Amino acid sequence: MTISMYEASVPVFSARLKALSNVLAAAEQNALDRKIDPQVFLTARLAPDMFALTRQVQIATDHAKGAPSRLAGREVPKYEDNEASFADLEARIAKTVAHLATFSAADIDGSDDKMIELKLGGREITLGGMQYLLHVAMPNFYFHLTTAYDILRHNGVPLGKATFLGSR
């Protein structure tokens, strides 16, 4: 049995982004409840050499929109990376989920061996579609998604695993 490249990508990205939207909504409400300037959360980071929350969300959405686009042979949508509020981040997530909804299994299935060319760390690499999805796009997506969650938990936002997974 072969893996469906569509099922391994689009529905996963969509579900996790919807959960991230819930995480951000909980953080925004928590900032309001605790009378904390939302910028405290938006600019928070886990370590000085790590990106802040806003950039974590931007990069997660970049991987979510980029992977299916590349696998389907479409142009990757470019976003300005100018989000400055929770509402802006929510809009970016919604735009990405809407983009994901434009793909069908027919667009992506069979891209297992499609050669994907990328620039990573200043160098160009070429990977097969499945290798790209499973060893580059998904790990990076989950890293930034989890880091966004961890930044908010570290700052006292009462989130749990169920919220991260999207089950509440």
Protein backbone atom coordinates (compact mmCIF):
# COMPACT_ATOMS: atom_id res chain seq x y z
CA MET A 1 0.00 0.00 0.00
CA THR A 2 1.29 3.44 -0.86
CA ILE A 3 0.79 6.61 1.09
CA SER A 4 -1.59 9.21 -0.30
CA MET A 5 0.51 12.34 -0.60
CA TYR A 6 -2.69 14.37 -0.42
CA GLU A 7 -3.95 12.72 2.77
CA ALA A 8 -0.51 13.06 4.35
CA SER A 9 -0.43 16.77 3.64
CA VAL A 10 -3.52 18.90 2.98
CA PRO A 11 -5.92 17.54 5.63
CA VAL A 12 -3.09 17.40 8.20
CA PHE A 13 -1.98 20.97 7.55
CA SER A 14 -5.59 22.19 7.59
CA ALA A 15 -6.51 20.48 10.86
CA ARG A 16 -3.36 21.61 12.65
CA LEU A 17 -3.76 25.20 11.44
CA LYS A 18 -7.34 25.28 12.68
CA ALA A 19 -6.07 24.07 16.04
CA LEU A 20 -3.36 26.75 15.98
CA SER A 21 -6.08 29.32 15.39
CA ASN A 22 -7.81 28.08 18.55
CA VAL A 23 -4.52 28.29 20.46
CA LEU A 24 -4.06 31.89 19.35
CA ALA A 25 -7.65 32.78 20.26
CA ALA A 26 -7.10 31.35 23.73
CA ALA A 27 -3.89 33.37 24.06
CA GLU A 28 -5.60 36.57 22.99
CA GLN A 29 -8.39 35.99 25.51
CA ASN A 30 -5.85 35.19 28.20
CA ALA A 31 -3.99 38.43 27.53
CA LEU A 32 -7.28 40.32 27.83
CA ASP A 33 -8.27 38.50 31.03
CA ARG A 34 -4.87 39.08 32.62
CA LYS A 35 -4.63 42.67 31.33
CA ILE A 36 -1.43 41.89 29.45
CA ASP A 37 -0.54 43.82 26.31
CA PRO A 38 -0.94 41.25 23.48
CA GLN A 39 2.44 42.35 22.14
CA VAL A 40 4.02 40.61 25.12
CA PHE A 41 2.83 37.27 23.72
CA LEU A 42 3.33 38.15 20.04
CA THR A 43 6.97 39.09 20.59
CA ALA A 44 7.78 36.38 23.13
CA ARG A 45 10.38 33.75 22.35
CA LEU A 46 11.72 30.72 24.17
CA ALA A 47 15.37 31.68 23.81
CA PRO A 48 17.19 34.77 22.58
CA ASP A 49 18.28 33.05 19.36
CA MET A 50 14.79 31.75 18.50
CA PHE A 51 12.06 33.48 16.54
CA ALA A 52 9.18 35.17 18.34
CA LEU A 53 5.62 33.83 18.32
CA THR A 54 4.56 35.87 15.29
CA ARG A 55 7.40 34.52 13.17
CA GLN A 56 6.74 30.96 14.33
CA VAL A 57 3.17 31.23 13.01
CA GLN A 58 4.36 32.78 9.77
CA ILE A 59 6.84 29.98 9.13
CA ALA A 60 4.31 27.26 10.03
CA THR A 61 1.87 28.71 7.48
CA ASP A 62 4.68 29.01 4.93
CA HIS A 63 5.31 25.27 5.14
CA ALA A 64 1.58 24.50 5.05
CA LYS A 65 1.01 26.51 1.89
CA GLY A 66 4.34 25.65 0.31
CA ALA A 67 4.34 21.88 0.46
CA PRO A 68 1.07 21.17 -1.37
CA SER A 69 1.82 23.95 -3.86
CA ARG A 70 5.21 22.48 -4.72
CA LEU A 71 3.88 18.93 -4.86
CA ALA A 72 1.08 20.02 -7.21
CA GLY A 73 3.44 22.07 -9.37
CA ARG A 74 1.78 25.36 -8.48
CA GLU A 75 3.34 28.68 -7.59
CA VAL A 76 3.70 29.06 -3.80
CA PRO A 77 1.64 32.05 -2.64
CA LYS A 78 3.77 34.83 -1.20
CA TYR A 79 2.68 36.56 2.00
CA GLU A 80 4.14 39.85 3.20
CA ASP A 81 5.04 38.64 6.73
CA ASN A 82 3.69 41.87 8.21
CA GLU A 83 1.34 40.45 10.83
CA ALA A 84 1.34 42.53 14.00
CA SER A 85 -1.68 41.29 15.96
CA PHE A 86 -3.57 38.15 16.85
CA ALA A 87 -6.22 39.16 14.29
CA ASP A 88 -3.52 39.42 11.62
CA LEU A 89 -2.19 35.96 12.48
CA GLU A 90 -5.71 34.51 12.45
CA ALA A 91 -6.28 36.06 9.01
CA ARG A 92 -3.02 34.56 7.74
CA ILE A 93 -4.05 31.13 9.01
CA ALA A 94 -7.51 31.49 7.44
CA LYS A 95 -5.92 32.52 4.11
CA THR A 96 -3.66 29.47 4.27
CA VAL A 97 -6.54 27.10 5.09
CA ALA A 98 -8.50 28.60 2.18
CA HIS A 99 -5.50 27.98 -0.10
CA LEU A 100 -5.28 24.38 1.09
CA ALA A 101 -8.97 23.91 0.22
CA THR A 102 -8.11 24.52 -3.45
CA PHE A 103 -6.24 21.21 -3.68
CA SER A 104 -7.70 17.82 -4.44
CA ALA A 105 -6.15 14.39 -4.18
CA ALA A 106 -5.75 14.40 -7.96
CA ASP A 107 -3.49 17.46 -7.68
CA ILE A 108 -1.04 15.89 -5.25
CA ASP A 109 -1.28 12.09 -5.30
CA GLY A 110 1.45 10.60 -7.44
CA SER A 111 3.95 13.32 -6.51
CA ASP A 112 6.00 10.88 -4.42
CA ASP A 113 8.90 10.96 -6.86
CA LYS A 114 8.38 14.46 -8.25
CA MET A 115 11.62 16.38 -7.90
CA ILE A 116 11.26 19.37 -5.58
CA GLU A 117 13.93 22.07 -5.74
CA LEU A 118 14.42 24.22 -2.64
CA LYS A 119 16.77 26.72 -1.12
CA LEU A 120 17.58 25.65 2.43
CA GLY A 121 20.12 27.42 4.55
CA GLY A 122 21.48 29.31 1.56
CA ARG A 123 22.03 26.22 -0.57
CA GLU A 124 19.91 24.61 -3.25
CA ILE A 125 18.76 21.04 -2.80
CA THR A 126 16.61 18.66 -4.81
CA LEU A 127 14.47 16.00 -3.14
CA GLY A 128 11.81 13.55 -4.22
CA GLY A 129 8.26 14.60 -3.27
CA MET A 130 7.78 12.09 -0.47
CA GLN A 131 11.22 12.78 0.99
CA TYR A 132 10.49 16.53 0.86
CA LEU A 133 7.07 16.16 2.49
CA LEU A 134 8.06 13.71 5.23
CA HIS A 135 11.59 14.91 6.00
CA VAL A 136 11.48 18.66 5.36
CA ALA A 137 7.99 20.17 5.16
CA MET A 138 6.23 18.24 7.92
CA PRO A 139 9.04 18.33 10.50
CA ASN A 140 9.51 22.06 9.96
CA PHE A 141 5.77 22.68 10.12
CA TYR A 142 5.44 20.77 13.40
CA PHE A 143 8.55 22.42 14.86
CA HIS A 144 7.16 25.92 14.36
CA LEU A 145 3.62 24.92 15.33
CA THR A 146 4.86 23.35 18.56
CA THR A 147 7.20 26.23 19.30
CA ALA A 148 4.30 28.70 18.97
CA TYR A 149 2.30 26.60 21.44
CA ASP A 150 5.28 26.32 23.79
CA ILE A 151 5.89 30.08 23.77
CA LEU A 152 2.33 30.67 24.92
CA ARG A 153 2.43 27.91 27.56
CA HIS A 154 5.72 29.30 28.85
CA ASN A 155 3.98 32.67 29.22
CA GLY A 156 1.21 31.21 31.34
CA VAL A 157 -1.55 30.73 28.78
CA PRO A 158 -3.63 27.81 30.08
CA LEU A 159 -3.45 25.49 27.10
CA GLY A 160 -3.52 21.74 27.06
CA LYS A 161 -2.76 18.96 24.65
CA ALA A 162 -6.41 18.81 23.56
CA THR A 163 -6.22 22.40 22.36
CA PHE A 164 -2.96 21.73 20.51
CA LEU A 165 -4.50 18.69 18.84
CA GLY A 166 -7.67 20.57 18.00
CA SER A 167 -10.06 18.42 19.98
CA ARG A 168 -11.29 21.46 21.92
